Amino acid sequence: MTIPRRIFLAALGAASVLPLLVRRTLAAYPERPIHLIVPFAAGGNADIVGRITGDLISKTLNQPVVVENRGGAGGVVGAEFVAHATPDGYTLLVGSNGPLTVNPFVHADLGYDPLKDFVAVSLTSYVPHALIMSSKVQAKNMTELIAQSKTTPLTVATSGIGSATHMTLERLKAATGANITHVPYRGGGALMPDLMSGTVDGAMTEFSTALPLHQAQQAHIVAIAAAHRSKLAPDIPTFDESGVKGFTAQSYIGVVAPAKTPAEIVDKLQTAIAQGLSPGSPAAERLIGLGSEVASVEQMTSKGFAEFIRADYENMREAAKLAGITPQ
């Protein structure tokens, strides 16, 4: 079949114009409000950090960022919604441990693959996990705690089976041999009254949650799972300093987009976040004041955050094995 010359030339012209239209569209991004999905209820750490991040993106890119809470199933509902959204940069996810690196080892049918269905935009911050003990527990450091557990088994609470803090506790038990019984609760806030009363001996929780109790002397933090001591509480040692070499764990918050989102759009979003969280900026200082650690310059890049996610994914795989958790 012979294609008429005029049709051929028209098609050729359209083909040459298409790349220009695509580049023009990318250059104009964003032209309408961006929707930032928080896969949890309002008021939690992901919601707070997500709103701070959304404000940074909005101010830099001069478009409103609408933060939407789509909670359910430990972050599955919101993450699945974003995974199947149009990859045009207008629907983003506040990504954290649950949706990205814990749920694959807890839920059998996620409806999305966290390593394939998202592209990392930027890590914003993370909150180290901390082991805090009731005032009734005499052990004040890891050496004493391990020794005490061998004579009297200790109960340590987390925010639930398969939660990020549960995974951290299982890794700690394996690394130290401490005789600890896990007590799961429905959320970090629910366990605090029992910790203060001594109903449970301790809790593995976010440092930001544990710090007020430590400062008020209602309980005491034994160690934090960070690479260095916190400026907010320099008296508290890290697990590494306490003899558990290289032991770190955290609840992290970042932004991801649907896979196949154009690299130019990812770069624009990443730059907006990184600029807004530069050292000494109001947003960075606010996160630090909340007990978070601001991500490094490398972790704020798409490549750096992707590597961070993969490393945590493998840590969670091992922790799930230690805990005997299989996807249900």
C-alpha atoms as a PDB file:
ATOM      1  CA  MET A   1       0.000   0.000   0.000  1.00  0.00           C
ATOM      2  CA  THR A   2       1.374   3.432  -0.992  1.00  0.00           C
ATOM      3  CA  ILE A   3       0.980   6.320   1.453  1.00  0.00           C
ATOM      4  CA  PRO A   4       0.026   9.583  -0.294  1.00  0.00           C
ATOM      5  CA  ARG A   5       2.789  12.168  -0.157  1.00  0.00           C
ATOM      6  CA  ARG A   6       0.659  14.820   1.597  1.00  0.00           C
ATOM      7  CA  ILE A   7      -0.325  12.366   4.378  1.00  0.00           C
ATOM      8  CA  PHE A   8       3.304  11.300   4.780  1.00  0.00           C
ATOM      9  CA  LEU A   9       4.472  14.908   5.085  1.00  0.00           C
ATOM     10  CA  ALA A  10       1.694  15.731   7.553  1.00  0.00           C
ATOM     11  CA  ALA A  11       2.595  12.754   9.718  1.00  0.00           C
ATOM     12  CA  LEU A  12       6.269  13.694   9.537  1.00  0.00           C
ATOM     13  CA  GLY A  13       5.473  17.219  10.622  1.00  0.00           C
ATOM     14  CA  ALA A  14       3.339  16.012  13.524  1.00  0.00           C
ATOM     15  CA  ALA A  15       6.127  13.695  14.648  1.00  0.00           C
ATOM     16  CA  SER A  16       8.611  16.571  14.687  1.00  0.00           C
ATOM     17  CA  VAL A  17       6.232  18.789  16.672  1.00  0.00           C
ATOM     18  CA  LEU A  18       5.429  16.140  19.329  1.00  0.00           C
ATOM     19  CA  PRO A  19       8.772  16.362  21.171  1.00  0.00           C
ATOM     20  CA  LEU A  20       8.386  20.139  21.267  1.00  0.00           C
ATOM     21  CA  LEU A  21       4.922  19.821  22.816  1.00  0.00           C
ATOM     22  CA  VAL A  22       6.210  17.354  25.407  1.00  0.00           C
ATOM     23  CA  ARG A  23       9.124  19.647  26.306  1.00  0.00           C
ATOM     24  CA  ARG A  24       6.766  22.620  26.510  1.00  0.00           C
ATOM     25  CA  THR A  25       4.435  20.696  28.826  1.00  0.00           C
ATOM     26  CA  LEU A  26       7.331  19.672  31.077  1.00  0.00           C
ATOM     27  CA  ALA A  27       8.682  23.213  31.117  1.00  0.00           C
ATOM     28  CA  ALA A  28       5.268  24.545  32.190  1.00  0.00           C
ATOM     29  CA  TYR A  29       4.858  22.021  35.028  1.00  0.00           C
ATOM     30  CA  PRO A  30       3.052  22.534  37.310  1.00  0.00           C
ATOM     31  CA  GLU A  31       0.060  24.240  35.724  1.00  0.00           C
ATOM     32  CA  ARG A  32      -2.522  23.155  38.302  1.00  0.00           C
ATOM     33  CA  PRO A  33      -2.643  22.042  41.969  1.00  0.00           C
ATOM     34  CA  ILE A  34      -0.556  19.052  43.029  1.00  0.00           C
ATOM     35  CA  HIS A  35      -2.150  16.406  45.245  1.00  0.00           C
ATOM     36  CA  LEU A  36       0.060  14.977  47.986  1.00  0.00           C
ATOM     37  CA  ILE A  37      -1.429  11.802  49.448  1.00  0.00           C
ATOM     38  CA  VAL A  38      -0.738  10.945  53.092  1.00  0.00           C
ATOM     39  CA  PRO A  39      -1.637   7.252  53.536  1.00  0.00           C
ATOM     40  CA  PHE A  40      -2.468   7.706  57.229  1.00  0.00           C
ATOM     41  CA  ALA A  41      -4.898   9.681  59.373  1.00  0.00           C
ATOM     42  CA  ALA A  42      -4.268  13.342  60.118  1.00  0.00           C
ATOM     43  CA  GLY A  43      -2.100  14.325  63.064  1.00  0.00           C
ATOM     44  CA  GLY A  44       0.631  11.689  62.879  1.00  0.00           C
ATOM     45  CA  ASN A  45       4.284  12.161  61.969  1.00  0.00           C
ATOM     46  CA  ALA A  46       3.724  11.388  58.261  1.00  0.00           C
ATOM     47  CA  ASP A  47       0.887  13.923  58.123  1.00  0.00           C
ATOM     48  CA  ILE A  48       2.851  16.672  59.892  1.00  0.00           C
ATOM     49  CA  VAL A  49       6.001  16.223  57.803  1.00  0.00           C
ATOM     50  CA  GLY A  50       3.912  15.793  54.655  1.00  0.00           C
ATOM     51  CA  ARG A  51       2.237  19.149  55.185  1.00  0.00           C
ATOM     52  CA  ILE A  52       5.564  20.856  55.822  1.00  0.00           C
ATOM     53  CA  THR A  53       6.913  19.314  52.614  1.00  0.00           C
ATOM     54  CA  GLY A  54       3.815  20.227  50.630  1.00  0.00           C
ATOM     55  CA  ASP A  55       4.226  23.836  51.703  1.00  0.00           C
ATOM     56  CA  LEU A  56       7.836  23.840  50.457  1.00  0.00           C
ATOM     57  CA  ILE A  57       6.806  22.472  47.059  1.00  0.00           C
ATOM     58  CA  SER A  58       3.966  24.974  46.791  1.00  0.00           C
ATOM     59  CA  LYS A  59       6.132  27.999  47.585  1.00  0.00           C
ATOM     60  CA  THR A  60       8.883  27.007  45.146  1.00  0.00           C
ATOM     61  CA  LEU A  61       6.717  25.858  42.236  1.00  0.00           C
ATOM     62  CA  ASN A  62       4.014  28.506  42.724  1.00  0.00           C
ATOM     63  CA  GLN A  63       1.086  26.108  42.725  1.00  0.00           C
ATOM     64  CA  PRO A  64      -1.141  24.920  45.587  1.00  0.00           C
ATOM     65  CA  VAL A  65      -0.323  21.531  47.069  1.00  0.00           C
ATOM     66  CA  VAL A  66      -3.452  19.809  48.344  1.00  0.00           C
ATOM     67  CA  VAL A  67      -2.667  17.344  51.137  1.00  0.00           C
ATOM     68  CA  GLU A  68      -5.140  14.449  51.226  1.00  0.00           C
ATOM     69  CA  ASN A  69      -5.327  11.837  53.987  1.00  0.00           C
ATOM     70  CA  ARG A  70      -6.209   8.417  52.559  1.00  0.00           C
ATOM     71  CA  GLY A  71      -5.604   6.101  55.494  1.00  0.00           C
ATOM     72  CA  GLY A  72      -6.274   2.405  55.763  1.00  0.00           C
ATOM     73  CA  ALA A  73      -4.540  -0.975  56.041  1.00  0.00           C
ATOM     74  CA  GLY A  74      -1.278   0.435  57.355  1.00  0.00           C
ATOM     75  CA  GLY A  75      -0.821   2.782  54.427  1.00  0.00           C
ATOM     76  CA  VAL A  76      -1.855   0.325  51.709  1.00  0.00           C
ATOM     77  CA  VAL A  77      -4.946   2.258  50.577  1.00  0.00           C
ATOM     78  CA  GLY A  78      -3.181   5.534  49.915  1.00  0.00           C
ATOM     79  CA  ALA A  79      -0.075   3.943  48.411  1.00  0.00           C
ATOM     80  CA  GLU A  80      -2.098   1.824  45.988  1.00  0.00           C
ATOM     81  CA  PHE A  81      -4.051   4.897  44.891  1.00  0.00           C
ATOM     82  CA  VAL A  82      -0.850   6.760  43.993  1.00  0.00           C
ATOM     83  CA  ALA A  83       0.810   3.715  42.403  1.00  0.00           C
ATOM     84  CA  HIS A  84      -1.983   3.585  39.816  1.00  0.00           C
ATOM     85  CA  ALA A  85      -2.319   7.353  39.309  1.00  0.00           C
ATOM     86  CA  THR A  86      -1.321   9.062  36.066  1.00  0.00           C
ATOM     87  CA  PRO A  87       2.478   9.604  36.171  1.00  0.00           C
ATOM     88  CA  ASP A  88       2.333  13.327  35.420  1.00  0.00           C
ATOM     89  CA  GLY A  89       3.618  14.781  38.695  1.00  0.00           C
ATOM     90  CA  TYR A  90       0.206  15.874  39.950  1.00  0.00           C
ATOM     91  CA  THR A  91      -0.346  12.963  42.353  1.00  0.00           C
ATOM     92  CA  LEU A  92       2.417  12.202  44.858  1.00  0.00           C
ATOM     93  CA  LEU A  93       2.753  10.002  47.943  1.00  0.00           C
ATOM     94  CA  VAL A  94       4.184  10.774  51.361  1.00  0.00           C
ATOM     95  CA  GLY A  95       6.201   7.564  51.579  1.00  0.00           C
ATOM     96  CA  SER A  96       7.312   5.939  54.818  1.00  0.00           C
ATOM     97  CA  ASN A  97       8.314   2.575  56.282  1.00  0.00           C
ATOM     98  CA  GLY A  98       4.842   1.050  56.253  1.00  0.00           C
ATOM     99  CA  PRO A  99       3.790   1.521  52.614  1.00  0.00           C
ATOM    100  CA  LEU A 100       7.290   1.194  51.133  1.00  0.00           C
ATOM    101  CA  THR A 101       9.296  -1.335  53.121  1.00  0.00           C
ATOM    102  CA  VAL A 102       7.197  -3.049  55.805  1.00  0.00           C
ATOM    103  CA  ASN A 103       3.879  -3.877  54.134  1.00  0.00           C
ATOM    104  CA  PRO A 104       5.425  -6.155  51.468  1.00  0.00           C
ATOM    105  CA  PHE A 105       6.321  -8.581  54.252  1.00  0.00           C
ATOM    106  CA  VAL A 106       3.009  -8.264  56.098  1.00  0.00           C
ATOM    107  CA  HIS A 107       0.310  -8.104  53.392  1.00  0.00           C
ATOM    108  CA  ALA A 108       0.033 -10.851  50.781  1.00  0.00           C
ATOM    109  CA  ASP A 109      -1.948  -8.822  48.231  1.00  0.00           C
ATOM    110  CA  LEU A 110      -0.752  -5.230  48.252  1.00  0.00           C
ATOM    111  CA  GLY A 111      -2.011  -4.259  44.829  1.00  0.00           C
ATOM    112  CA  TYR A 112       1.302  -2.497  44.160  1.00  0.00           C
ATOM    113  CA  ASP A 113       5.034  -3.203  44.177  1.00  0.00           C
ATOM    114  CA  PRO A 114       6.869  -0.534  46.203  1.00  0.00           C
ATOM    115  CA  LEU A 115      10.134  -1.087  44.323  1.00  0.00           C
ATOM    116  CA  LYS A 116       8.617  -1.058  40.823  1.00  0.00           C
ATOM    117  CA  ASP A 117       5.524   1.133  40.968  1.00  0.00           C
ATOM    118  CA  PHE A 118       7.132   4.275  42.401  1.00  0.00           C
ATOM    119  CA  VAL A 119      10.028   6.552  41.579  1.00  0.00           C
ATOM    120  CA  ALA A 120      11.802   8.108  44.556  1.00  0.00           C
ATOM    121  CA  VAL A 121      11.694  11.912  44.624  1.00  0.00           C
ATOM    122  CA  SER A 122      13.356  12.902  47.894  1.00  0.00           C
ATOM    123  CA  LEU A 123      13.859  11.739  51.465  1.00  0.00           C
ATOM    124  CA  THR A 124      12.999  14.572  53.837  1.00  0.00           C
ATOM    125  CA  SER A 125      13.715  13.317  57.333  1.00  0.00           C
ATOM    126  CA  TYR A 126      13.669  10.421  59.723  1.00  0.00           C
ATOM    127  CA  VAL A 127      13.087   9.852  63.416  1.00  0.00           C
ATOM    128  CA  PRO A 128      15.389   7.315  65.092  1.00  0.00           C
ATOM    129  CA  HIS A 129      13.793   4.547  67.093  1.00  0.00           C
ATOM    130  CA  ALA A 130      14.494   4.467  70.805  1.00  0.00           C
ATOM    131  CA  LEU A 131      14.232   1.890  73.573  1.00  0.00           C
ATOM    132  CA  ILE A 132      12.549   3.487  76.561  1.00  0.00           C
ATOM    133  CA  MET A 133      12.028   1.651  79.853  1.00  0.00           C
ATOM    134  CA  SER A 134       9.599   2.103  82.721  1.00  0.00           C
ATOM    135  CA  SER A 135      10.877   3.813  85.835  1.00  0.00           C
ATOM    136  CA  LYS A 136      10.315   0.468  87.594  1.00  0.00           C
ATOM    137  CA  VAL A 137      13.096  -1.113  85.523  1.00  0.00           C
ATOM    138  CA  GLN A 138      16.431  -0.667  87.245  1.00  0.00           C
ATOM    139  CA  ALA A 139      18.620  -1.191  84.169  1.00  0.00           C
ATOM    140  CA  LYS A 140      19.892   2.152  82.875  1.00  0.00           C
ATOM    141  CA  ASN A 141      22.041   0.974  79.960  1.00  0.00           C
ATOM    142  CA  MET A 142      22.116  -1.876  77.435  1.00  0.00           C
ATOM    143  CA  THR A 143      24.631  -3.973  79.369  1.00  0.00           C
ATOM    144  CA  GLU A 144      22.485  -3.845  82.503  1.00  0.00           C
ATOM    145  CA  LEU A 145      19.288  -4.397  80.517  1.00  0.00           C
ATOM    146  CA  ILE A 146      20.581  -7.513  78.760  1.00  0.00           C
ATOM    147  CA  ALA A 147      21.831  -8.910  82.058  1.00  0.00           C
ATOM    148  CA  GLN A 148      18.525  -8.176  83.811  1.00  0.00           C
ATOM    149  CA  SER A 149      16.545  -9.826  80.997  1.00  0.00           C
ATOM    150  CA  LYS A 150      18.485 -13.046  81.455  1.00  0.00           C
ATOM    151  CA  THR A 151      17.277 -13.333  85.070  1.00  0.00           C
ATOM    152  CA  THR A 152      13.866 -11.672  84.669  1.00  0.00           C
ATOM    153  CA  PRO A 153      12.382 -11.620  81.132  1.00  0.00           C
ATOM    154  CA  LEU A 154      11.310  -8.132  80.067  1.00  0.00           C
ATOM    155  CA  THR A 155       8.176  -7.081  78.198  1.00  0.00           C
ATOM    156  CA  VAL A 156       8.630  -4.448  75.495  1.00  0.00           C
ATOM    157  CA  ALA A 157       5.723  -2.892  73.617  1.00  0.00           C
ATOM    158  CA  THR A 158       5.552  -1.641  70.021  1.00  0.00           C
ATOM    159  CA  SER A 159       2.844  -0.005  67.922  1.00  0.00           C
ATOM    160  CA  GLY A 160       1.756  -3.372  66.516  1.00  0.00           C
ATOM    161  CA  ILE A 161       2.693  -6.638  64.870  1.00  0.00           C
ATOM    162  CA  GLY A 162       4.558  -5.929  61.654  1.00  0.00           C
ATOM    163  CA  SER A 163       5.073  -2.254  62.505  1.00  0.00           C
ATOM    164  CA  ALA A 164       8.430  -0.606  61.861  1.00  0.00           C
ATOM    165  CA  THR A 165       9.179  -0.527  65.583  1.00  0.00           C
ATOM    166  CA  HIS A 166       8.296  -4.223  65.919  1.00  0.00           C
ATOM    167  CA  MET A 167      10.807  -4.998  63.178  1.00  0.00           C
ATOM    168  CA  THR A 168      13.428  -2.941  65.030  1.00  0.00           C
ATOM    169  CA  LEU A 169      12.748  -4.794  68.277  1.00  0.00           C
ATOM    170  CA  GLU A 170      13.181  -8.175  66.592  1.00  0.00           C
ATOM    171  CA  ARG A 171      16.484  -7.081  65.091  1.00  0.00           C
ATOM    172  CA  LEU A 172      17.642  -5.870  68.513  1.00  0.00           C
ATOM    173  CA  LYS A 173      16.699  -9.162  70.171  1.00  0.00           C
ATOM    174  CA  ALA A 174      18.670 -11.058  67.539  1.00  0.00           C
ATOM    175  CA  ALA A 175      21.680  -8.754  67.865  1.00  0.00           C
ATOM    176  CA  THR A 176      21.874  -8.862  71.669  1.00  0.00           C
ATOM    177  CA  GLY A 177      20.290 -12.129  72.773  1.00  0.00           C
ATOM    178  CA  ALA A 178      18.185 -10.190  75.282  1.00  0.00           C
ATOM    179  CA  ASN A 179      15.238 -12.124  76.723  1.00  0.00           C
ATOM    180  CA  ILE A 180      12.428  -9.823  75.646  1.00  0.00           C
ATOM    181  CA  THR A 181       8.760 -10.597  75.061  1.00  0.00           C
ATOM    182  CA  HIS A 182       7.050  -8.461  72.429  1.00  0.00           C
ATOM    183  CA  VAL A 183       3.749  -6.839  73.449  1.00  0.00           C
ATOM    184  CA  PRO A 184       1.918  -5.385  70.416  1.00  0.00           C
ATOM    185  CA  TYR A 185      -0.412  -2.387  70.758  1.00  0.00           C
ATOM    186  CA  ARG A 186      -2.648  -0.585  68.278  1.00  0.00           C
ATOM    187  CA  GLY A 187      -0.533   2.498  67.718  1.00  0.00           C
ATOM    188  CA  GLY A 188       2.313   4.193  69.546  1.00  0.00           C
ATOM    189  CA  GLY A 189       0.087   6.477  71.600  1.00  0.00           C
ATOM    190  CA  ALA A 190      -1.931   3.600  73.063  1.00  0.00           C
ATOM    191  CA  LEU A 191       1.050   2.021  74.797  1.00  0.00           C
ATOM    192  CA  MET A 192       2.303   5.117  76.642  1.00  0.00           C
ATOM    193  CA  PRO A 193      -0.011   4.929  79.697  1.00  0.00           C
ATOM    194  CA  ASP A 194       0.993   1.304  80.270  1.00  0.00           C
ATOM    195  CA  LEU A 195       4.666   2.198  79.935  1.00  0.00           C
ATOM    196  CA  MET A 196       4.402   4.971  82.508  1.00  0.00           C
ATOM    197  CA  SER A 197       2.453   2.763  84.916  1.00  0.00           C
ATOM    198  CA  GLY A 198       4.901  -0.114  84.533  1.00  0.00           C
ATOM    199  CA  THR A 199       2.300  -2.492  83.087  1.00  0.00           C
ATOM    200  CA  VAL A 200       4.911  -3.150  80.392  1.00  0.00           C
ATOM    201  CA  ASP A 201       8.613  -2.875  81.122  1.00  0.00           C
ATOM    202  CA  GLY A 202       9.479  -0.828  78.091  1.00  0.00           C
ATOM    203  CA  ALA A 203       8.710   0.216  74.545  1.00  0.00           C
ATOM    204  CA  MET A 204      10.457   0.483  71.207  1.00  0.00           C
ATOM    205  CA  THR A 205       9.100   3.664  69.705  1.00  0.00           C
ATOM    206  CA  GLU A 206      10.038   6.831  67.824  1.00  0.00           C
ATOM    207  CA  PHE A 207      12.552   9.039  69.613  1.00  0.00           C
ATOM    208  CA  SER A 208      10.209  12.034  69.255  1.00  0.00           C
ATOM    209  CA  THR A 209       7.522  10.110  71.144  1.00  0.00           C
ATOM    210  CA  ALA A 210       9.853   8.851  73.872  1.00  0.00           C
ATOM    211  CA  LEU A 211      11.779  12.072  74.513  1.00  0.00           C
ATOM    212  CA  PRO A 212       9.074  13.996  76.457  1.00  0.00           C
ATOM    213  CA  LEU A 213       8.701  11.080  78.889  1.00  0.00           C
ATOM    214  CA  HIS A 214      12.472  10.886  79.329  1.00  0.00           C
ATOM    215  CA  GLN A 215      12.762  14.624  79.936  1.00  0.00           C
ATOM    216  CA  ALA A 216       9.889  14.544  82.450  1.00  0.00           C
ATOM    217  CA  GLN A 217      11.562  11.567  84.202  1.00  0.00           C
ATOM    218  CA  GLN A 218       8.423   9.475  83.704  1.00  0.00           C
ATOM    219  CA  ALA A 219      10.524   6.794  81.992  1.00  0.00           C
ATOM    220  CA  HIS A 220      14.114   6.550  80.765  1.00  0.00           C
ATOM    221  CA  ILE A 221      15.542   6.035  77.299  1.00  0.00           C
ATOM    222  CA  VAL A 222      18.292   3.414  77.293  1.00  0.00           C
ATOM    223  CA  ALA A 223      19.581   4.082  73.773  1.00  0.00           C
ATOM    224  CA  ILE A 224      18.609   5.504  70.395  1.00  0.00           C
ATOM    225  CA  ALA A 225      19.046   3.693  67.085  1.00  0.00           C
ATOM    226  CA  ALA A 226      20.867   6.565  65.374  1.00  0.00           C
ATOM    227  CA  ALA A 227      24.341   7.028  63.960  1.00  0.00           C
ATOM    228  CA  HIS A 228      25.066   9.786  66.484  1.00  0.00           C
ATOM    229  CA  ARG A 229      23.590  11.292  69.628  1.00  0.00           C
ATOM    230  CA  SER A 230      20.698  13.712  69.345  1.00  0.00           C
ATOM    231  CA  LYS A 231      21.366  17.385  70.004  1.00  0.00           C
ATOM    232  CA  LEU A 232      18.030  17.439  71.841  1.00  0.00           C
ATOM    233  CA  ALA A 233      19.288  14.905  74.382  1.00  0.00           C
ATOM    234  CA  PRO A 234      23.075  14.502  74.226  1.00  0.00           C
ATOM    235  CA  ASP A 235      23.027  12.455  77.435  1.00  0.00           C
ATOM    236  CA  ILE A 236      21.370   9.499  75.671  1.00  0.00           C
ATOM    237  CA  PRO A 237      23.839   7.093  73.989  1.00  0.00           C
ATOM    238  CA  THR A 238      23.337   5.369  70.668  1.00  0.00           C
ATOM    239  CA  PHE A 239      23.013   1.590  70.450  1.00  0.00           C
ATOM    240  CA  ASP A 240      26.379   1.530  68.708  1.00  0.00           C
ATOM    241  CA  GLU A 241      27.992   3.257  71.676  1.00  0.00           C
ATOM    242  CA  SER A 242      26.153   0.828  73.943  1.00  0.00           C
ATOM    243  CA  GLY A 243      27.800  -2.205  72.367  1.00  0.00           C
ATOM    244  CA  VAL A 244      25.282  -3.049  69.616  1.00  0.00           C
ATOM    245  CA  LYS A 245      27.633  -2.164  66.781  1.00  0.00           C
ATOM    246  CA  GLY A 246      26.180  -0.547  63.682  1.00  0.00           C
ATOM    247  CA  PHE A 247      22.602  -0.833  64.948  1.00  0.00           C
ATOM    248  CA  THR A 248      20.411   1.888  63.453  1.00  0.00           C
ATOM    249  CA  ALA A 249      16.685   2.055  62.723  1.00  0.00           C
ATOM    250  CA  GLN A 250      14.249   4.836  62.027  1.00  0.00           C
ATOM    251  CA  SER A 251      10.827   5.857  60.843  1.00  0.00           C
ATOM    252  CA  TYR A 252      11.431   7.883  57.698  1.00  0.00           C
ATOM    253  CA  ILE A 253       9.362  10.245  55.596  1.00  0.00           C
ATOM    254  CA  GLY A 254       9.929  11.093  51.934  1.00  0.00           C
ATOM    255  CA  VAL A 255       8.075  11.766  48.710  1.00  0.00           C
ATOM    256  CA  VAL A 256       7.611   9.306  45.857  1.00  0.00           C
ATOM    257  CA  ALA A 257       5.734   9.556  42.569  1.00  0.00           C
ATOM    258  CA  PRO A 258       4.157   6.961  40.282  1.00  0.00           C
ATOM    259  CA  ALA A 259       6.667   5.066  38.157  1.00  0.00           C
ATOM    260  CA  LYS A 260       7.296   6.581  34.704  1.00  0.00           C
ATOM    261  CA  THR A 261       6.867  10.122  35.984  1.00  0.00           C
ATOM    262  CA  PRO A 262       9.160  12.169  33.683  1.00  0.00           C
ATOM    263  CA  ALA A 263      12.646  12.733  35.085  1.00  0.00           C
ATOM    264  CA  GLU A 264      12.340  16.484  34.496  1.00  0.00           C
ATOM    265  CA  ILE A 265       9.301  16.641  36.791  1.00  0.00           C
ATOM    266  CA  VAL A 266      10.990  14.507  39.454  1.00  0.00           C
ATOM    267  CA  ASP A 267      13.971  16.878  39.309  1.00  0.00           C
ATOM    268  CA  LYS A 268      11.752  19.938  39.793  1.00  0.00           C
ATOM    269  CA  LEU A 269      10.061  18.393  42.825  1.00  0.00           C
ATOM    270  CA  GLN A 270      13.340  17.165  44.291  1.00  0.00           C
ATOM    271  CA  THR A 271      14.964  20.575  43.923  1.00  0.00           C
ATOM    272  CA  ALA A 272      12.018  22.295  45.606  1.00  0.00           C
ATOM    273  CA  ILE A 273      12.237  19.971  48.611  1.00  0.00           C
ATOM    274  CA  ALA A 274      16.031  20.117  48.915  1.00  0.00           C
ATOM    275  CA  GLN A 275      16.093  23.916  48.723  1.00  0.00           C
ATOM    276  CA  GLY A 276      13.338  24.206  51.301  1.00  0.00           C
ATOM    277  CA  LEU A 277      15.166  21.920  53.736  1.00  0.00           C
ATOM    278  CA  SER A 278      18.596  23.514  53.397  1.00  0.00           C
ATOM    279  CA  PRO A 279      20.562  23.768  56.682  1.00  0.00           C
ATOM    280  CA  GLY A 280      19.203  26.494  58.933  1.00  0.00           C
ATOM    281  CA  SER A 281      15.990  26.953  56.934  1.00  0.00           C
ATOM    282  CA  PRO A 282      12.741  27.417  58.911  1.00  0.00           C
ATOM    283  CA  ALA A 283      11.404  24.067  57.665  1.00  0.00           C
ATOM    284  CA  ALA A 284      14.582  22.206  58.615  1.00  0.00           C
ATOM    285  CA  GLU A 285      14.605  23.788  62.075  1.00  0.00           C
ATOM    286  CA  ARG A 286      10.961  22.890  62.570  1.00  0.00           C
ATOM    287  CA  LEU A 287      11.644  19.228  61.770  1.00  0.00           C
ATOM    288  CA  ILE A 288      14.593  19.200  64.152  1.00  0.00           C
ATOM    289  CA  GLY A 289      12.399  20.721  66.835  1.00  0.00           C
ATOM    290  CA  LEU A 290       9.960  17.833  66.350  1.00  0.00           C
ATOM    291  CA  GLY A 291      12.741  15.341  67.088  1.00  0.00           C
ATOM    292  CA  SER A 292      13.453  14.463  63.462  1.00  0.00           C
ATOM    293  CA  GLU A 293      16.787  14.380  61.693  1.00  0.00           C
ATOM    294  CA  VAL A 294      16.875  16.123  58.327  1.00  0.00           C
ATOM    295  CA  ALA A 295      18.080  13.886  55.502  1.00  0.00           C
ATOM    296  CA  SER A 296      21.547  14.399  54.082  1.00  0.00           C
ATOM    297  CA  VAL A 297      22.091  16.161  50.752  1.00  0.00           C
ATOM    298  CA  GLU A 298      22.651  12.802  49.034  1.00  0.00           C
ATOM    299  CA  GLN A 299      19.570  11.207  50.632  1.00  0.00           C
ATOM    300  CA  MET A 300      17.465  14.079  49.340  1.00  0.00           C
ATOM    301  CA  THR A 301      18.292  13.137  45.748  1.00  0.00           C
ATOM    302  CA  SER A 302      16.130  10.687  43.828  1.00  0.00           C
ATOM    303  CA  LYS A 303      19.042   8.241  43.556  1.00  0.00           C
ATOM    304  CA  GLY A 304      19.949   8.584  47.225  1.00  0.00           C
ATOM    305  CA  PHE A 305      16.390   8.041  48.420  1.00  0.00           C
ATOM    306  CA  ALA A 306      15.971   5.027  46.124  1.00  0.00           C
ATOM    307  CA  GLU A 307      19.099   3.451  47.621  1.00  0.00           C
ATOM    308  CA  PHE A 308      17.816   4.247  51.119  1.00  0.00           C
ATOM    309  CA  ILE A 309      14.518   2.499  50.366  1.00  0.00           C
ATOM    310  CA  ARG A 310      16.231  -0.605  48.986  1.00  0.00           C
ATOM    311  CA  ALA A 311      18.516  -0.889  52.012  1.00  0.00           C
ATOM    312  CA  ASP A 312      15.589  -0.574  54.426  1.00  0.00           C
ATOM    313  CA  TYR A 313      13.585  -3.059  52.342  1.00  0.00           C
ATOM    314  CA  GLU A 314      16.285  -5.694  52.886  1.00  0.00           C
ATOM    315  CA  ASN A 315      16.473  -4.877  56.606  1.00  0.00           C
ATOM    316  CA  MET A 316      12.713  -5.409  56.866  1.00  0.00           C
ATOM    317  CA  ARG A 317      12.949  -8.695  54.968  1.00  0.00           C
ATOM    318  CA  GLU A 318      15.433  -9.978  57.539  1.00  0.00           C
ATOM    319  CA  ALA A 319      13.432  -8.577  60.468  1.00  0.00           C
ATOM    320  CA  ALA A 320      10.264 -10.289  59.219  1.00  0.00           C
ATOM    321  CA  LYS A 321      12.120 -13.603  59.171  1.00  0.00           C
ATOM    322  CA  LEU A 322      13.376 -13.054  62.710  1.00  0.00           C
ATOM    323  CA  ALA A 323       9.830 -12.253  63.866  1.00  0.00           C
ATOM    324  CA  GLY A 324       8.329 -15.212  62.032  1.00  0.00           C
ATOM    325  CA  ILE A 325       6.031 -12.906  60.077  1.00  0.00           C
ATOM    326  CA  THR A 326       4.606 -14.179  56.789  1.00  0.00           C
ATOM    327  CA  PRO A 327       2.360 -12.116  54.492  1.00  0.00           C
ATOM    328  CA  GLN A 328      -1.311 -12.656  55.259  1.00  0.00           C
END
